[in-house]
Structures are given as C-alpha cells and as structure tokens.
Amino acid sequence: MNNGYPFGEVRHLLQDKDVLFGNLETTLSDTGDPAEKHHVIFTCPDAARHLAKAGFDVMSVANNHSGDLGAEGFKNTLKALESRGILAIGGSATEGRQEPVTLEKNGISIGFAGYTIGKLAISREVSVNRLVEEDIFRDIASLKGRCDHIAISLHWGTEMAYYPSPEQIDLAHRLIDAGATLILGHHSHTMQAIERYHGGLIAYSLGMFQFEPRWPHNISREAIMLSVDLEKNGDVGEYKAAPLIIDDDFVPRPAEGALGMEILDFLDEISRPVAEGRLTRARWFEEIAPVYMKMNLESYRYRIRRKGLFPLLEMGAWFFTPFCLKCYVGLVRRLFRPAPTRERRAPGQNAGN
C-alpha cells in the first residue's frame, strides 16, 4: 500500500458503524525476536493510526502471527492498539490469559472474547488465548447476564479451504446454544459459509481484507465485509455482506456490478450445504485435500532447505498420519465427481489474477 492509508476505497462502508471489529494478523512492532517460521509478518507500531482512522473499536490479537516478533513484539502490538483507543481481545501482556471484555454502544452491551488454534512461538511472559473448548464455554458463562450479546472471535480452520470442517460447525452450534450470539471466524484466507442457527449468526470465515493477495499462495482475492444488526433484547437482526476484492496494492475495494453479484452468489453456494447440514466429513476431505497438501508441502520444503535432515524425516512421517491418509482418499474421490464451481472460475479471477 506504499505506506498510504489502506482503507480509503471502503471508507463509506466503514462509516457510521456503532462497533467495528477486525482480526489483526500482524505484529505492530519494529523490534523483537523473529520466529523461526516460513512467514513472519510485522509492521511499524504507527500503522495503528490507520486502524483508528478507519474506526476500528475492537481487534483480535489471537492468531498464528501474534508471536512473530516474540514477547516484545506482542507487547508492542498491545501498546500500539491501546495508544489509539482500540480494544485488543484474545491476548494479554501478562502470563495470565485474557478474560472476556465488554463494551457498550447506544445502550447495547457486547461481550467479546478471542481465541486461536495452533502453537505460537512466544514466551510464557505473555499470553495468547488458545482455542480450548472448556475456556470458551467458561468465558461465555461468565458473560451471560452481564451483556446483551456475546461475540466470539475464532482464528481456526484449514487455510485456503472454502468450507469449515464438521467439527467447526458442531463447535459453533454448541457455542450458540451456550449463549453466544455472534461467531466471527477467520484464518482460512477465504470466504466461508454464513449460517443462522438458533437465533445466532455464524460467519465461519470472513475472508481477506487488507492483505497481500499474492502472499503466500496467490490467496483468494474475494472477501466480504459483514454488517450485523444486534438488538437490545439479544436478537440478531438483519445482516448484510458487502462484497470486496483485494487489489495488487493490498487495498480492499468494493466489488461492484457483475463481480459483486458473483461473489455473493458464491457465498450463497458455499453456505447452503452448511446451513442444510449436508457437509459430511468425507465431502469435507474432498474439498480441503488439495490445498492442505500443497500448503504443508511448501512449509516442509522451506524447513528442509533451512535445517536439512530432521524436517525431511518429519515430512516422511507426516505422509502417513491419519489426516493425510484421509486426504488421499479425498483426492481419489474428487476424480470421480464434477469439478466444483470455484475451480472452474473462482470469484475475482478477472480482477487482476
């Protein structure tokens, strides 16, 4: 984005929102110990001014890049957000996990909590909330009766996959049944289903926003901005998905005309089997096997180039894990069914890919 303001093209979509939430998938720090991983993401702390100018109220720091510059980088990130009046959820500058937080706008109170899958290369002097079911249910119980709505941010799922796993769907349903009203998912770098369930709303993954579309795997350029009406009585009212496209300059722009309709049609297409309960585990492995294998093979190649024999042995063992074996079955099953719409032409393919 050449150090310019990255949200100018979507300014009109961000305006007049009572509460604006986002997932901060970077470290806001100039210093710290880089993690030993393929992709380390960071930017200067002053970049938080762009988030404040855009109007963000709440940012989740519970994701797999929170520890990219170690404990020092994570503490700097929290300081940068705090200095701009942005509430960080999902992480703490102390050893203890962060408890849920609440905020109130226009007489409606919302409790927020954030969690992430995976292990982080970060010291124990800081804490990032892991996606542990018992913790989430305990946090929801602590918020019930204290606020009108409970919003749960989940950094989860399989990267590059267009469908949540049956386990994700089951967990999201149980969180709603426990008292959550809004589930905000991210991590896959793709859009995934939006589902109404028992009075709550689940967005399994919102897709990209301000991110480099060529990094690291020519990732999906299409995304949505989700607007939800939360009512005082705890009901979730109408919601609207505004289609976006991410340009080569990393800037999110509204997807207009035919492209915008195509993205929304695609969102409806991938939401339908989830909402109708037709996404079996066998079908899910068919969908995610190619991207899962590709992502992990690239990661192993990087580690083998850097460290030699040990990652090579690890890769050999990985090939025979139960998950990989199920992926092989999924790849075979794909050969005997028609290619899905997104493989014939994914939304946004005409927008600079």
Protein backbone atom coordinates (compact mmCIF):
# COMPACT_ATOMS: atom_id res chain seq x y z
CA MET A 1 0.00 0.00 0.00
CA ASN A 2 3.15 2.20 -0.18
CA ASN A 3 2.65 3.38 3.43
CA GLY A 4 -0.55 5.17 2.48
CA TYR A 5 -3.97 4.92 4.08
CA PRO A 6 -5.23 1.43 3.12
CA PHE A 7 -8.95 1.83 3.74
CA GLY A 8 -9.84 4.80 1.56
CA GLU A 9 -11.74 2.74 -1.03
CA VAL A 10 -14.03 1.24 1.64
CA ARG A 11 -14.35 4.34 3.82
CA HIS A 12 -18.06 4.64 3.04
CA LEU A 13 -18.62 1.04 4.19
CA LEU A 14 -16.85 1.65 7.49
CA GLN A 15 -18.61 4.87 8.39
CA ASP A 16 -21.45 5.02 10.90
CA LYS A 17 -20.79 1.57 12.37
CA ASP A 18 -21.51 1.52 16.09
CA VAL A 19 -18.85 -1.14 16.71
CA LEU A 20 -16.17 -2.10 14.17
CA PHE A 21 -14.30 -5.39 14.69
CA GLY A 22 -11.33 -6.89 12.87
CA ASN A 23 -8.65 -9.57 13.16
CA LEU A 24 -5.15 -8.09 13.36
CA GLU A 25 -2.99 -10.62 11.53
CA THR A 26 0.30 -8.85 12.01
CA THR A 27 2.64 -7.62 14.73
CA LEU A 28 2.80 -3.88 15.31
CA SER A 29 6.46 -3.62 16.27
CA ASP A 30 9.87 -2.56 14.97
CA THR A 31 11.70 -4.77 17.44
CA GLY A 32 11.60 -8.31 18.76
CA ASP A 33 12.92 -11.78 18.01
CA PRO A 34 11.62 -13.12 14.67
CA ALA A 35 10.01 -16.52 14.96
CA GLU A 36 11.59 -19.44 13.09
CA LYS A 37 8.80 -19.92 10.59
CA HIS A 38 8.20 -19.53 6.88
CA HIS A 39 6.22 -16.29 7.00
CA VAL A 40 6.90 -13.64 9.62
CA ILE A 41 4.53 -10.66 9.42
CA PHE A 42 5.09 -7.31 11.10
CA THR A 43 4.79 -3.60 10.50
CA CYS A 44 5.59 -0.42 12.42
CA PRO A 45 3.54 0.43 15.53
CA ASP A 46 2.47 3.72 13.98
CA ALA A 47 0.39 1.75 11.46
CA ALA A 48 -2.20 1.52 14.25
CA ARG A 49 -3.20 5.05 13.26
CA HIS A 50 -4.76 3.63 10.08
CA LEU A 51 -6.92 1.31 12.16
CA ALA A 52 -8.01 4.17 14.39
CA LYS A 53 -8.77 6.41 11.41
CA ALA A 54 -10.88 3.63 9.89
CA GLY A 55 -12.88 3.49 13.11
CA PHE A 56 -11.93 0.08 14.48
CA ASP A 57 -13.10 -0.37 18.06
CA VAL A 58 -12.06 -3.99 18.70
CA MET A 59 -9.20 -6.03 17.24
CA SER A 60 -8.47 -9.67 17.94
CA VAL A 61 -4.79 -10.43 18.53
CA ALA A 62 -5.42 -14.16 18.96
CA ASN A 63 -3.99 -15.58 15.74
CA ASN A 64 -0.97 -17.50 14.45
CA HIS A 65 1.05 -14.36 13.71
CA SER A 66 0.71 -12.73 17.14
CA GLY A 67 4.08 -14.10 18.20
CA ASP A 68 6.03 -13.40 15.02
CA LEU A 69 8.33 -10.98 16.87
CA GLY A 70 8.20 -12.75 20.21
CA ALA A 71 7.00 -11.39 23.53
CA GLU A 72 8.49 -7.95 22.89
CA GLY A 73 6.68 -7.62 19.57
CA PHE A 74 3.43 -8.79 21.11
CA LYS A 75 3.66 -6.29 23.97
CA ASN A 76 4.40 -3.52 21.46
CA THR A 77 1.33 -4.54 19.49
CA LEU A 78 -0.90 -4.25 22.55
CA LYS A 79 0.62 -0.86 23.41
CA ALA A 80 0.12 0.42 19.86
CA LEU A 81 -3.56 -0.55 19.88
CA GLU A 82 -4.14 0.87 23.36
CA SER A 83 -2.47 4.17 22.41
CA ARG A 84 -5.03 4.57 19.62
CA GLY A 85 -8.01 3.68 21.81
CA ILE A 86 -8.55 0.25 20.21
CA LEU A 87 -9.60 -2.61 22.46
CA ALA A 88 -7.47 -5.74 21.98
CA ILE A 89 -9.05 -9.13 22.68
CA GLY A 90 -7.54 -12.60 22.84
CA GLY A 91 -4.20 -11.77 24.38
CA SER A 92 -2.51 -10.38 27.46
CA ALA A 93 0.84 -8.76 28.24
CA THR A 94 1.00 -10.97 31.36
CA GLU A 95 1.24 -14.72 31.93
CA GLY A 96 -2.49 -14.98 32.65
CA ARG A 97 -4.94 -15.48 29.78
CA GLN A 98 -7.12 -12.54 28.88
CA GLU A 99 -10.65 -12.65 30.22
CA PRO A 100 -13.59 -11.51 28.07
CA VAL A 101 -14.18 -7.78 27.75
CA THR A 102 -17.38 -5.82 27.33
CA LEU A 103 -18.26 -2.54 25.67
CA GLU A 104 -21.48 -0.61 25.29
CA LYS A 105 -22.73 1.48 22.38
CA ASN A 106 -26.14 3.10 22.09
CA GLY A 107 -27.43 1.26 25.12
CA ILE A 108 -26.47 -2.21 23.82
CA SER A 109 -23.68 -4.09 25.57
CA ILE A 110 -21.49 -6.66 23.80
CA GLY A 111 -19.09 -9.11 25.36
CA PHE A 112 -16.05 -10.02 23.23
CA ALA A 113 -13.61 -12.90 23.53
CA GLY A 114 -10.99 -14.18 21.06
CA TYR A 115 -9.14 -17.48 20.58
CA THR A 116 -6.76 -19.11 18.10
CA ILE A 117 -5.73 -22.59 17.06
CA GLY A 118 -2.12 -23.70 16.86
CA LYS A 119 1.03 -23.26 18.87
CA LEU A 120 2.74 -19.90 18.94
CA ALA A 121 6.49 -19.31 19.15
CA ILE A 122 6.15 -16.94 22.08
CA SER A 123 7.42 -16.90 25.66
CA ARG A 124 5.31 -17.50 28.73
CA GLU A 125 5.65 -13.92 29.92
CA VAL A 126 2.72 -13.04 27.66
CA SER A 127 -0.42 -14.98 26.82
CA VAL A 128 -2.49 -15.58 23.69
CA ASN A 129 -5.82 -17.33 24.18
CA ARG A 130 -5.79 -20.79 22.61
CA LEU A 131 -8.93 -22.33 21.20
CA VAL A 132 -9.71 -24.60 24.13
CA GLU A 133 -13.38 -25.51 24.30
CA GLU A 134 -13.58 -25.52 28.08
CA ASP A 135 -12.15 -21.98 28.22
CA ILE A 136 -14.62 -20.66 25.67
CA PHE A 137 -17.64 -22.17 27.38
CA ARG A 138 -16.44 -20.84 30.73
CA ASP A 139 -16.00 -17.35 29.24
CA ILE A 140 -19.46 -17.44 27.69
CA ALA A 141 -20.93 -18.46 31.05
CA SER A 142 -19.14 -15.55 32.72
CA LEU A 143 -20.67 -13.10 30.21
CA LYS A 144 -24.24 -14.37 30.33
CA GLY A 145 -26.47 -11.95 32.15
CA ARG A 146 -23.83 -9.20 32.00
CA CYS A 147 -24.38 -8.10 28.40
CA ASP A 148 -26.96 -8.17 25.62
CA HIS A 149 -24.77 -10.01 23.12
CA ILE A 150 -21.72 -12.28 23.20
CA ALA A 151 -19.36 -12.17 20.20
CA ILE A 152 -16.75 -14.91 19.88
CA SER A 153 -13.75 -14.44 17.57
CA LEU A 154 -12.22 -17.72 16.36
CA HIS A 155 -8.98 -17.99 14.38
CA TRP A 156 -9.49 -21.53 13.12
CA GLY A 157 -9.93 -23.95 10.24
CA THR A 158 -7.86 -25.04 7.26
CA GLU A 159 -6.09 -22.39 5.23
CA MET A 160 -7.32 -21.86 1.67
CA ALA A 161 -10.38 -24.09 2.24
CA TYR A 162 -13.83 -22.79 1.31
CA TYR A 163 -15.66 -24.99 3.82
CA PRO A 164 -15.48 -25.28 7.61
CA SER A 165 -14.96 -28.77 8.96
CA PRO A 166 -17.86 -30.71 10.52
CA GLU A 167 -16.05 -30.26 13.85
CA GLN A 168 -16.04 -26.48 13.40
CA ILE A 169 -19.72 -26.50 12.56
CA ASP A 170 -20.50 -28.61 15.62
CA LEU A 171 -18.47 -26.35 17.92
CA ALA A 172 -20.04 -23.18 16.52
CA HIS A 173 -23.51 -24.63 17.11
CA ARG A 174 -22.66 -25.58 20.67
CA LEU A 175 -21.27 -22.10 21.36
CA ILE A 176 -24.52 -20.54 20.16
CA ASP A 177 -26.51 -22.99 22.27
CA ALA A 178 -24.36 -22.00 25.26
CA GLY A 179 -25.26 -18.32 24.87
CA ALA A 180 -23.08 -16.75 22.18
CA THR A 181 -25.00 -14.71 19.62
CA LEU A 182 -22.27 -13.99 17.06
CA ILE A 183 -19.34 -16.12 15.84
CA LEU A 184 -16.68 -14.27 13.82
CA GLY A 185 -14.28 -16.69 12.10
CA HIS A 186 -11.03 -16.11 10.23
CA HIS A 187 -7.72 -17.80 9.30
CA SER A 188 -8.57 -19.63 6.07
CA HIS A 189 -7.90 -16.52 3.89
CA THR A 190 -11.10 -17.45 2.05
CA MET A 191 -14.77 -16.73 2.49
CA GLN A 192 -16.75 -19.50 4.12
CA ALA A 193 -20.37 -20.09 5.00
CA ILE A 194 -22.61 -17.69 6.88
CA GLU A 195 -25.27 -19.53 8.86
CA ARG A 196 -28.19 -18.53 11.07
CA TYR A 197 -28.53 -21.00 13.91
CA HIS A 198 -30.89 -20.96 16.88
CA GLY A 199 -31.13 -17.19 16.95
CA GLY A 200 -27.39 -16.61 16.47
CA LEU A 201 -25.27 -15.81 13.44
CA ILE A 202 -22.11 -17.71 12.46
CA ALA A 203 -19.59 -16.36 9.95
CA TYR A 204 -17.16 -19.27 9.63
CA SER A 205 -14.59 -17.11 7.80
CA LEU A 206 -14.87 -13.56 6.51
CA GLY A 207 -12.03 -13.93 4.01
CA MET A 208 -9.41 -11.30 3.27
CA PHE A 209 -9.47 -7.59 3.97
CA GLN A 210 -6.22 -5.62 3.84
CA PHE A 211 -3.64 -8.25 2.88
CA GLU A 212 -1.27 -9.06 0.06
CA PRO A 213 -3.18 -11.29 -2.39
CA ARG A 214 -0.01 -12.84 -3.83
CA TRP A 215 1.24 -13.88 -0.37
CA PRO A 216 1.96 -16.67 0.21
CA HIS A 217 -0.01 -18.85 -2.23
CA ASN A 218 -1.83 -16.48 -4.60
CA ILE A 219 -4.55 -16.49 -1.97
CA SER A 220 -8.16 -15.69 -2.61
CA ARG A 221 -8.82 -12.06 -3.50
CA GLU A 222 -12.51 -12.08 -2.73
CA ALA A 223 -13.94 -11.24 0.67
CA ILE A 224 -16.90 -9.71 2.40
CA MET A 225 -17.49 -7.04 4.99
CA LEU A 226 -20.21 -8.28 7.32
CA SER A 227 -22.64 -5.82 8.93
CA VAL A 228 -24.97 -7.18 11.61
CA ASP A 229 -27.83 -5.52 13.48
CA LEU A 230 -27.70 -6.51 17.16
CA GLU A 231 -30.87 -5.71 19.09
CA LYS A 232 -31.29 -4.79 22.74
CA ASN A 233 -33.33 -7.92 23.53
CA GLY A 234 -30.48 -10.18 22.44
CA ASP A 235 -31.85 -10.92 18.99
CA VAL A 236 -29.65 -10.86 15.91
CA GLY A 237 -31.45 -8.84 13.27
CA GLU A 238 -30.68 -8.36 9.62
CA TYR A 239 -27.17 -8.79 8.26
CA LYS A 240 -25.55 -7.66 5.05
CA ALA A 241 -22.45 -8.95 3.28
CA ALA A 242 -20.72 -6.30 1.18
CA PRO A 243 -18.52 -8.00 -1.47
CA LEU A 244 -14.89 -6.89 -1.68
CA ILE A 245 -11.91 -7.56 -3.89
CA ILE A 246 -8.25 -7.15 -2.88
CA ASP A 247 -6.06 -5.42 -5.44
CA ASP A 248 -2.36 -5.89 -6.14
CA ASP A 249 -1.65 -2.86 -3.92
CA PHE A 250 -3.17 -4.81 -0.99
CA VAL A 251 -6.11 -2.38 -0.82
CA PRO A 252 -9.67 -3.68 -0.31
CA ARG A 253 -12.17 -2.26 -2.77
CA PRO A 254 -15.90 -2.78 -3.23
CA ALA A 255 -16.65 -5.44 -5.82
CA GLU A 256 -19.31 -3.85 -7.97
CA GLY A 257 -21.59 -4.96 -10.77
CA ALA A 258 -21.33 -8.50 -12.08
CA LEU A 259 -18.27 -9.30 -10.00
CA GLY A 260 -20.02 -8.29 -6.78
CA MET A 261 -23.04 -10.42 -7.65
CA GLU A 262 -20.76 -13.34 -8.50
CA ILE A 263 -19.07 -13.14 -5.09
CA LEU A 264 -22.40 -13.03 -3.27
CA ASP A 265 -23.74 -15.92 -5.35
CA PHE A 266 -20.63 -17.89 -4.49
CA LEU A 267 -21.09 -17.09 -0.80
CA ASP A 268 -24.65 -18.40 -1.03
CA GLU A 269 -23.41 -21.52 -2.84
CA ILE A 270 -20.86 -22.44 -0.17
CA SER A 271 -23.25 -21.53 2.68
CA ARG A 272 -26.08 -23.78 1.52
CA PRO A 273 -24.61 -27.23 2.33
CA VAL A 274 -23.54 -25.99 5.76
CA ALA A 275 -26.91 -24.49 6.63
CA GLU A 276 -28.71 -27.57 5.33
CA GLY A 277 -26.46 -30.00 7.22
CA ARG A 278 -25.18 -31.71 4.05
CA LEU A 279 -21.44 -31.20 4.55
CA THR A 280 -20.23 -34.66 5.56
CA ARG A 281 -16.70 -35.35 6.74
CA ALA A 282 -15.97 -37.33 3.56
CA ARG A 283 -17.09 -34.40 1.41
CA TRP A 284 -15.03 -32.00 3.52
CA PHE A 285 -11.85 -34.00 2.89
CA GLU A 286 -12.59 -33.88 -0.83
CA GLU A 287 -12.77 -30.10 -0.60
CA ILE A 288 -9.69 -29.39 1.52
CA ALA A 289 -7.26 -32.14 0.48
CA PRO A 290 -5.53 -30.29 -2.42
CA VAL A 291 -4.91 -27.06 -0.51
CA TYR A 292 -3.95 -28.80 2.72
CA MET A 293 -1.35 -30.97 1.00
CA LYS A 294 0.05 -28.07 -1.03
CA MET A 295 0.37 -25.75 1.98
CA ASN A 296 2.11 -28.31 4.15
CA LEU A 297 4.47 -29.50 1.41
CA GLU A 298 5.61 -25.94 0.84
CA SER A 299 6.18 -25.49 4.57
CA TYR A 300 8.25 -28.67 4.74
CA ARG A 301 10.29 -27.66 1.70
CA TYR A 302 11.15 -24.39 3.40
CA ARG A 303 12.17 -26.12 6.63
CA ILE A 304 14.22 -28.78 4.80
CA ARG A 305 16.16 -26.08 2.94
CA ARG A 306 16.95 -24.38 6.24
CA LYS A 307 17.51 -27.33 8.59
CA GLY A 308 18.15 -30.37 6.44
CA LEU A 309 17.54 -33.94 7.54
CA PHE A 310 15.26 -33.65 10.57
CA PRO A 311 12.36 -31.87 8.79
CA LEU A 312 12.75 -34.38 5.95
CA LEU A 313 12.21 -37.23 8.39
CA GLU A 314 9.28 -35.35 9.89
CA MET A 315 7.74 -34.98 6.42
CA GLY A 316 8.13 -38.71 5.80
CA ALA A 317 6.20 -39.46 8.99
CA TRP A 318 3.59 -36.78 8.15
CA PHE A 319 2.77 -38.53 4.87
CA PHE A 320 1.39 -41.47 6.88
CA THR A 321 -0.61 -39.58 9.51
CA PRO A 322 -4.33 -40.45 9.69
CA PHE A 323 -5.24 -36.96 8.47
CA CYS A 324 -3.05 -37.29 5.38
CA LEU A 325 -4.42 -40.75 4.64
CA LYS A 326 -7.94 -39.31 4.67
CA CYS A 327 -6.75 -36.55 2.33
CA TYR A 328 -5.51 -39.20 -0.12
CA VAL A 329 -8.97 -40.76 -0.09
CA GLY A 330 -10.48 -37.34 -0.65
CA LEU A 331 -8.21 -36.71 -3.62
CA VAL A 332 -9.30 -40.02 -5.18
CA ARG A 333 -12.97 -39.22 -4.59
CA ARG A 334 -12.54 -35.86 -6.32
CA LEU A 335 -11.53 -37.65 -9.50
CA PHE A 336 -14.99 -39.17 -9.77
CA ARG A 337 -17.16 -36.09 -9.37
CA PRO A 338 -17.58 -32.90 -11.45
CA ALA A 339 -15.28 -30.01 -10.60
CA PRO A 340 -16.98 -27.51 -8.25
CA THR A 341 -17.82 -24.01 -9.43
CA ARG A 342 -14.91 -22.33 -7.68
CA GLU A 343 -12.42 -24.48 -9.56
CA ARG A 344 -13.98 -23.69 -12.93
CA ARG A 345 -13.63 -19.97 -12.17
CA ALA A 346 -13.24 -18.54 -8.71
CA PRO A 347 -14.84 -15.18 -7.97
CA GLY A 348 -12.46 -12.32 -8.68
CA GLN A 349 -10.48 -14.17 -11.33
CA ASN A 350 -10.99 -11.28 -13.73
CA ALA A 351 -9.78 -8.72 -11.18
CA GLY A 352 -6.07 -8.86 -11.84
CA ASN A 353 -5.21 -12.52 -11.09
